Amino acid sequence: MPINKQEFTSKIHLIISVCIVLPVALVYGFKPALLFNIHINTTDAHHFFKAVMGLYIGFSVLWLLGIFNKTYLKMALVSNCIFMFGIGFGRLLGYILEGTPTVIYQIGLVGELLLACYGFWVLQRHTVKKEISNNKKS
């Protein structure tokens, strides 16, 4: 089934987010040293990263629901914006307080903030169109 331009514009950042967040979730959960300068030495640290993996997978599932089911689109958009801004803000805070991280985290910071801003733009556009449509019906 072909996708129209409006659907593509509304969902592309969700697709990008899933394509990045799912693999990163698995890396965090099972082999964080594979891509990141992270070396886990305690059982609690392993559990922490498995929990982060679970959060990332959970949000990815919600975004997939939004991509494939119109009922979940707004929830997916809002959650994606909060997720990306939250992660981006945390990275920015770390950058300020701890110093410059590795390149992959610097790229992540920029990408997360861009995806969050794009998501808010889509959400605002989506909400405005819905209001205009409701006003025409009145």
N, C-alpha and C. Protein backbone atom coordinates (compact mmCIF):
# COMPACT_ATOMS: atom_id res chain seq x y z
N MET A 1 0.85 -1.17 0.00
CA MET A 1 0.00 0.00 0.00
C MET A 1 0.90 1.24 0.00
N PRO A 2 0.73 2.12 -1.00
CA PRO A 2 1.58 3.31 -1.08
C PRO A 2 1.29 4.28 0.07
N ILE A 3 2.31 4.98 0.46
CA ILE A 3 2.19 5.96 1.55
C ILE A 3 2.20 7.35 0.94
N ASN A 4 1.28 8.21 1.39
CA ASN A 4 1.25 9.56 0.84
C ASN A 4 2.28 10.45 1.54
N LYS A 5 2.47 11.64 0.97
CA LYS A 5 3.50 12.56 1.48
C LYS A 5 3.24 12.96 2.93
N GLN A 6 1.98 13.23 3.27
CA GLN A 6 1.64 13.65 4.64
C GLN A 6 1.96 12.53 5.64
N GLU A 7 1.60 11.29 5.30
CA GLU A 7 1.90 10.16 6.18
C GLU A 7 3.41 10.00 6.33
N PHE A 8 4.12 10.11 5.22
CA PHE A 8 5.58 9.98 5.26
C PHE A 8 6.18 11.04 6.17
N THR A 9 5.73 12.30 6.01
CA THR A 9 6.23 13.41 6.82
C THR A 9 5.93 13.19 8.30
N SER A 10 4.76 12.63 8.59
CA SER A 10 4.34 12.43 9.98
C SER A 10 5.03 11.26 10.66
N LYS A 11 5.56 10.33 9.87
CA LYS A 11 6.07 9.08 10.46
C LYS A 11 7.55 8.82 10.25
N ILE A 12 8.22 9.56 9.38
CA ILE A 12 9.61 9.24 9.05
C ILE A 12 10.51 9.28 10.27
N HIS A 13 10.31 10.23 11.17
CA HIS A 13 11.18 10.29 12.35
C HIS A 13 10.91 9.13 13.30
N LEU A 14 9.68 8.61 13.29
CA LEU A 14 9.39 7.42 14.10
C LEU A 14 10.12 6.21 13.53
N ILE A 15 10.12 6.11 12.21
CA ILE A 15 10.83 5.01 11.54
C ILE A 15 12.33 5.09 11.83
N ILE A 16 12.89 6.29 11.68
CA ILE A 16 14.32 6.50 11.97
C ILE A 16 14.61 6.15 13.42
N SER A 17 13.74 6.59 14.33
CA SER A 17 13.95 6.32 15.75
C SER A 17 13.98 4.82 16.04
N VAL A 18 13.03 4.08 15.48
CA VAL A 18 12.99 2.64 15.70
C VAL A 18 14.24 1.98 15.13
N CYS A 19 14.65 2.41 13.93
CA CYS A 19 15.83 1.81 13.29
C CYS A 19 17.12 2.05 14.07
N ILE A 20 17.16 3.10 14.87
CA ILE A 20 18.34 3.39 15.68
C ILE A 20 18.18 2.85 17.09
N VAL A 21 17.03 3.09 17.71
CA VAL A 21 16.84 2.77 19.13
C VAL A 21 16.81 1.25 19.38
N LEU A 22 16.18 0.48 18.50
CA LEU A 22 16.14 -0.98 18.72
C LEU A 22 17.53 -1.61 18.74
N PRO A 23 18.37 -1.36 17.73
CA PRO A 23 19.72 -1.95 17.79
C PRO A 23 20.53 -1.44 18.99
N VAL A 24 20.41 -0.15 19.30
CA VAL A 24 21.14 0.40 20.46
C VAL A 24 20.66 -0.27 21.74
N ALA A 25 19.36 -0.53 21.83
CA ALA A 25 18.81 -1.23 23.00
C ALA A 25 19.48 -2.58 23.18
N LEU A 26 19.61 -3.32 22.10
CA LEU A 26 20.23 -4.65 22.18
C LEU A 26 21.70 -4.56 22.55
N VAL A 27 22.38 -3.57 22.01
CA VAL A 27 23.79 -3.36 22.36
C VAL A 27 23.91 -3.02 23.85
N TYR A 28 23.10 -2.05 24.32
CA TYR A 28 23.12 -1.69 25.74
C TYR A 28 22.83 -2.92 26.62
N GLY A 29 21.88 -3.72 26.21
CA GLY A 29 21.47 -4.86 27.03
C GLY A 29 22.44 -6.02 27.05
N PHE A 30 23.17 -6.24 25.95
CA PHE A 30 23.99 -7.44 25.87
C PHE A 30 25.48 -7.20 25.66
N LYS A 31 25.87 -6.15 24.95
CA LYS A 31 27.29 -5.90 24.65
C LYS A 31 27.60 -4.41 24.58
N PRO A 32 27.46 -3.66 25.67
CA PRO A 32 27.67 -2.21 25.59
C PRO A 32 29.09 -1.82 25.16
N ALA A 33 30.06 -2.65 25.42
CA ALA A 33 31.44 -2.33 25.04
C ALA A 33 31.65 -2.44 23.52
N LEU A 34 30.69 -3.07 22.83
CA LEU A 34 30.80 -3.23 21.38
C LEU A 34 30.86 -1.88 20.65
N LEU A 35 30.03 -0.92 21.07
CA LEU A 35 29.99 0.38 20.41
C LEU A 35 30.42 1.53 21.30
N PHE A 36 30.36 1.32 22.60
CA PHE A 36 30.58 2.41 23.54
C PHE A 36 31.72 2.06 24.49
N ASN A 37 32.30 3.08 25.06
CA ASN A 37 33.37 2.88 26.04
C ASN A 37 32.74 2.61 27.41
N ILE A 38 31.98 1.50 27.48
CA ILE A 38 31.27 1.11 28.70
C ILE A 38 31.71 -0.30 29.06
N HIS A 39 32.17 -0.45 30.28
CA HIS A 39 32.60 -1.77 30.76
C HIS A 39 31.88 -2.05 32.07
N ILE A 40 31.03 -3.07 32.05
CA ILE A 40 30.19 -3.40 33.19
C ILE A 40 30.92 -4.39 34.09
N ASN A 41 30.98 -4.03 35.39
CA ASN A 41 31.72 -4.86 36.34
C ASN A 41 30.88 -5.43 37.46
N THR A 42 29.61 -5.06 37.56
CA THR A 42 28.78 -5.54 38.66
C THR A 42 27.45 -6.08 38.13
N THR A 43 26.84 -6.93 38.92
CA THR A 43 25.53 -7.47 38.57
C THR A 43 24.50 -6.34 38.48
N ASP A 44 24.58 -5.38 39.41
CA ASP A 44 23.64 -4.26 39.37
C ASP A 44 23.78 -3.46 38.07
N ALA A 45 24.99 -3.28 37.60
CA ALA A 45 25.19 -2.55 36.34
C ALA A 45 24.58 -3.33 35.17
N HIS A 46 24.75 -4.66 35.17
CA HIS A 46 24.11 -5.49 34.14
C HIS A 46 22.60 -5.31 34.17
N HIS A 47 22.03 -5.33 35.37
CA HIS A 47 20.58 -5.16 35.51
C HIS A 47 20.14 -3.78 35.06
N PHE A 48 20.93 -2.77 35.36
CA PHE A 48 20.61 -1.40 34.94
C PHE A 48 20.53 -1.33 33.41
N PHE A 49 21.52 -1.88 32.74
CA PHE A 49 21.54 -1.80 31.28
C PHE A 49 20.45 -2.67 30.65
N LYS A 50 20.09 -3.77 31.30
CA LYS A 50 18.95 -4.57 30.79
C LYS A 50 17.65 -3.78 30.94
N ALA A 51 17.52 -3.02 32.04
CA ALA A 51 16.33 -2.18 32.22
C ALA A 51 16.27 -1.09 31.16
N VAL A 52 17.39 -0.47 30.88
CA VAL A 52 17.44 0.56 29.82
C VAL A 52 17.06 -0.09 28.49
N MET A 53 17.57 -1.28 28.24
CA MET A 53 17.22 -2.00 27.02
C MET A 53 15.70 -2.19 26.95
N GLY A 54 15.09 -2.59 28.06
CA GLY A 54 13.65 -2.79 28.10
C GLY A 54 12.87 -1.52 27.82
N LEU A 55 13.32 -0.41 28.39
CA LEU A 55 12.67 0.88 28.11
C LEU A 55 12.77 1.23 26.63
N TYR A 56 13.95 1.08 26.06
CA TYR A 56 14.14 1.39 24.65
C TYR A 56 13.25 0.51 23.77
N ILE A 57 13.18 -0.77 24.08
CA ILE A 57 12.34 -1.68 23.29
C ILE A 57 10.87 -1.32 23.47
N GLY A 58 10.47 -1.01 24.69
CA GLY A 58 9.08 -0.63 24.94
C GLY A 58 8.66 0.60 24.14
N PHE A 59 9.50 1.63 24.15
CA PHE A 59 9.18 2.82 23.36
C PHE A 59 9.17 2.51 21.87
N SER A 60 10.10 1.68 21.42
CA SER A 60 10.13 1.30 20.00
C SER A 60 8.84 0.60 19.59
N VAL A 61 8.32 -0.24 20.45
CA VAL A 61 7.05 -0.93 20.16
C VAL A 61 5.93 0.10 20.03
N LEU A 62 5.88 1.07 20.92
CA LEU A 62 4.87 2.12 20.85
C LEU A 62 5.00 2.90 19.54
N TRP A 63 6.23 3.22 19.15
CA TRP A 63 6.42 3.96 17.90
C TRP A 63 6.00 3.12 16.70
N LEU A 64 6.27 1.81 16.74
CA LEU A 64 5.82 0.93 15.66
C LEU A 64 4.30 0.90 15.59
N LEU A 65 3.65 0.87 16.75
CA LEU A 65 2.18 0.93 16.76
C LEU A 65 1.70 2.22 16.09
N GLY A 66 2.36 3.32 16.38
CA GLY A 66 1.99 4.60 15.77
C GLY A 66 2.22 4.63 14.27
N ILE A 67 3.25 3.93 13.83
CA ILE A 67 3.54 3.88 12.39
C ILE A 67 2.46 3.10 11.65
N PHE A 68 2.02 1.98 12.23
CA PHE A 68 1.11 1.08 11.53
C PHE A 68 -0.36 1.20 11.92
N ASN A 69 -0.66 1.94 13.00
CA ASN A 69 -2.04 2.07 13.45
C ASN A 69 -2.32 3.52 13.81
N LYS A 70 -3.22 4.14 13.05
CA LYS A 70 -3.51 5.56 13.21
C LYS A 70 -3.97 5.91 14.63
N THR A 71 -4.60 4.96 15.31
CA THR A 71 -5.08 5.19 16.67
C THR A 71 -3.94 5.56 17.62
N TYR A 72 -2.77 5.01 17.38
CA TYR A 72 -1.63 5.23 18.28
C TYR A 72 -0.66 6.31 17.81
N LEU A 73 -0.96 6.95 16.68
CA LEU A 73 0.00 7.90 16.11
C LEU A 73 0.31 9.06 17.04
N LYS A 74 -0.71 9.71 17.58
CA LYS A 74 -0.45 10.87 18.44
C LYS A 74 0.34 10.46 19.69
N MET A 75 -0.02 9.33 20.29
CA MET A 75 0.71 8.84 21.46
C MET A 75 2.17 8.54 21.09
N ALA A 76 2.38 7.97 19.93
CA ALA A 76 3.73 7.68 19.47
C ALA A 76 4.51 8.97 19.25
N LEU A 77 3.87 9.97 18.66
CA LEU A 77 4.53 11.25 18.42
C LEU A 77 4.93 11.92 19.73
N VAL A 78 4.00 11.97 20.68
CA VAL A 78 4.28 12.61 21.97
C VAL A 78 5.39 11.86 22.70
N SER A 79 5.29 10.54 22.76
CA SER A 79 6.30 9.76 23.49
C SER A 79 7.68 9.88 22.84
N ASN A 80 7.71 9.94 21.51
CA ASN A 80 8.98 10.08 20.82
C ASN A 80 9.63 11.42 21.14
N CYS A 81 8.83 12.47 21.15
CA CYS A 81 9.35 13.81 21.48
C CYS A 81 9.91 13.83 22.90
N ILE A 82 9.15 13.30 23.84
CA ILE A 82 9.60 13.28 25.24
C ILE A 82 10.86 12.43 25.38
N PHE A 83 10.87 11.25 24.76
CA PHE A 83 12.02 10.36 24.82
C PHE A 83 13.27 11.05 24.27
N MET A 84 13.15 11.61 23.06
CA MET A 84 14.31 12.21 22.41
C MET A 84 14.79 13.46 23.15
N PHE A 85 13.87 14.31 23.58
CA PHE A 85 14.29 15.49 24.35
C PHE A 85 14.89 15.08 25.69
N GLY A 86 14.31 14.09 26.33
CA GLY A 86 14.84 13.63 27.61
C GLY A 86 16.24 13.07 27.50
N ILE A 87 16.45 12.20 26.53
CA ILE A 87 17.79 11.62 26.30
C ILE A 87 18.76 12.73 25.88
N GLY A 88 18.33 13.58 24.96
CA GLY A 88 19.18 14.67 24.50
C GLY A 88 19.56 15.62 25.63
N PHE A 89 18.58 15.97 26.48
CA PHE A 89 18.86 16.84 27.61
C PHE A 89 19.87 16.19 28.57
N GLY A 90 19.68 14.91 28.83
CA GLY A 90 20.63 14.19 29.70
C GLY A 90 22.04 14.19 29.13
N ARG A 91 22.14 13.95 27.82
CA ARG A 91 23.46 13.98 27.18
C ARG A 91 24.07 15.38 27.23
N LEU A 92 23.24 16.40 26.99
CA LEU A 92 23.72 17.77 27.05
C LEU A 92 24.22 18.11 28.46
N LEU A 93 23.48 17.69 29.46
CA LEU A 93 23.89 17.91 30.85
C LEU A 93 25.22 17.20 31.12
N GLY A 94 25.37 15.97 30.65
CA GLY A 94 26.63 15.25 30.80
C GLY A 94 27.77 15.95 30.09
N TYR A 95 27.49 16.46 28.92
CA TYR A 95 28.49 17.20 28.15
C TYR A 95 28.99 18.41 28.94
N ILE A 96 28.06 19.12 29.57
CA ILE A 96 28.41 20.31 30.35
C ILE A 96 29.15 19.95 31.64
N LEU A 97 28.64 18.94 32.34
CA LEU A 97 29.20 18.60 33.66
C LEU A 97 30.42 17.70 33.62
N GLU A 98 30.45 16.74 32.68
CA GLU A 98 31.54 15.77 32.64
C GLU A 98 32.54 15.98 31.52
N GLY A 99 32.19 16.77 30.54
CA GLY A 99 33.10 17.00 29.42
C GLY A 99 32.64 16.29 28.16
N THR A 100 33.47 16.37 27.16
CA THR A 100 33.15 15.85 25.83
C THR A 100 33.16 14.32 25.81
N PRO A 101 32.05 13.72 25.39
CA PRO A 101 32.01 12.25 25.27
C PRO A 101 32.62 11.80 23.94
N THR A 102 32.58 10.50 23.68
CA THR A 102 33.07 9.96 22.41
C THR A 102 32.18 10.48 21.27
N VAL A 103 32.68 10.37 20.07
CA VAL A 103 32.01 10.88 18.87
C VAL A 103 30.60 10.30 18.72
N ILE A 104 30.44 9.02 19.00
CA ILE A 104 29.12 8.39 18.82
C ILE A 104 28.07 9.04 19.71
N TYR A 105 28.46 9.46 20.92
CA TYR A 105 27.52 10.15 21.81
C TYR A 105 27.28 11.59 21.35
N GLN A 106 28.28 12.21 20.76
CA GLN A 106 28.08 13.56 20.22
C GLN A 106 27.09 13.53 19.05
N ILE A 107 27.24 12.54 18.20
CA ILE A 107 26.30 12.36 17.08
C ILE A 107 24.91 12.06 17.62
N GLY A 108 24.85 11.22 18.65
CA GLY A 108 23.57 10.88 19.28
C GLY A 108 22.86 12.11 19.82
N LEU A 109 23.61 12.98 20.48
CA LEU A 109 23.04 14.21 21.05
C LEU A 109 22.38 15.05 19.95
N VAL A 110 23.10 15.28 18.88
CA VAL A 110 22.56 16.09 17.78
C VAL A 110 21.35 15.39 17.16
N GLY A 111 21.47 14.11 16.91
CA GLY A 111 20.36 13.35 16.31
C GLY A 111 19.12 13.34 17.18
N GLU A 112 19.29 13.13 18.48
CA GLU A 112 18.14 13.10 19.39
C GLU A 112 17.43 14.44 19.44
N LEU A 113 18.19 15.51 19.51
CA LEU A 113 17.56 16.83 19.57
C LEU A 113 16.88 17.18 18.24
N LEU A 114 17.49 16.78 17.12
CA LEU A 114 16.85 17.01 15.81
C LEU A 114 15.55 16.21 15.68
N LEU A 115 15.58 14.94 16.09
CA LEU A 115 14.38 14.12 16.02
C LEU A 115 13.28 14.67 16.93
N ALA A 116 13.66 15.15 18.11
CA ALA A 116 12.68 15.73 19.03
C ALA A 116 12.05 16.98 18.42
N CYS A 117 12.86 17.86 17.88
CA CYS A 117 12.34 19.09 17.27
C CYS A 117 11.44 18.77 16.09
N TYR A 118 11.85 17.83 15.25
CA TYR A 118 11.04 17.44 14.12
C TYR A 118 9.72 16.84 14.61
N GLY A 119 9.80 16.02 15.64
CA GLY A 119 8.59 15.42 16.20
C GLY A 119 7.62 16.46 16.73
N PHE A 120 8.14 17.47 17.42
CA PHE A 120 7.26 18.54 17.91
C PHE A 120 6.64 19.31 16.76
N TRP A 121 7.40 19.51 15.70
CA TRP A 121 6.88 20.19 14.52
C TRP A 121 5.73 19.36 13.92
N VAL A 122 5.94 18.06 13.77
CA VAL A 122 4.90 17.18 13.23
C VAL A 122 3.69 17.17 14.14
N LEU A 123 3.91 17.07 15.42
CA LEU A 123 2.81 17.04 16.39
C LEU A 123 2.00 18.33 16.34
N GLN A 124 2.69 19.46 16.28
CA GLN A 124 2.01 20.75 16.20
C GLN A 124 1.21 20.84 14.91
N ARG A 125 1.80 20.42 13.82
CA ARG A 125 1.13 20.43 12.52
C ARG A 125 -0.08 19.50 12.52
N HIS A 126 0.08 18.33 13.10
CA HIS A 126 -0.97 17.32 13.19
C HIS A 126 -2.14 17.86 14.02
N THR A 127 -1.84 18.52 15.13
CA THR A 127 -2.86 19.07 16.02
C THR A 127 -3.59 20.23 15.35
N VAL A 128 -2.85 21.11 14.68
CA VAL A 128 -3.46 22.26 14.00
C VAL A 128 -4.40 21.76 12.90
N LYS A 129 -3.98 20.78 12.11
CA LYS A 129 -4.83 20.27 11.03
C LYS A 129 -6.11 19.66 11.60
N LYS A 130 -5.99 18.96 12.72
CA LYS A 130 -7.16 18.35 13.34
C LYS A 130 -8.13 19.43 13.83
N GLU A 131 -7.60 20.52 14.42
CA GLU A 131 -8.44 21.62 14.89
C GLU A 131 -9.15 22.29 13.71
N ILE A 132 -8.43 22.51 12.61
CA ILE A 132 -9.02 23.13 11.42
C ILE A 132 -10.13 22.23 10.88
N SER A 133 -9.87 20.94 10.83
CA SER A 133 -10.87 19.98 10.35
C SER A 133 -12.11 19.99 11.25
N ASN A 134 -11.91 20.04 12.57
CA ASN A 134 -13.04 20.08 13.51
C ASN A 134 -13.83 21.37 13.38
N ASN A 135 -13.15 22.50 13.14
CA ASN A 135 -13.83 23.79 12.98
C ASN A 135 -14.68 23.82 11.72
N LYS A 136 -14.21 23.17 10.65
CA LYS A 136 -14.97 23.12 9.41
C LYS A 136 -16.25 22.32 9.58
N LYS A 137 -16.22 21.30 10.46
CA LYS A 137 -17.40 20.46 10.70
C LYS A 137 -18.44 21.22 11.52
N SER A 138 -18.01 22.19 12.33
CA SER A 138 -18.94 22.91 13.21
C SER A 138 -19.81 23.90 12.49
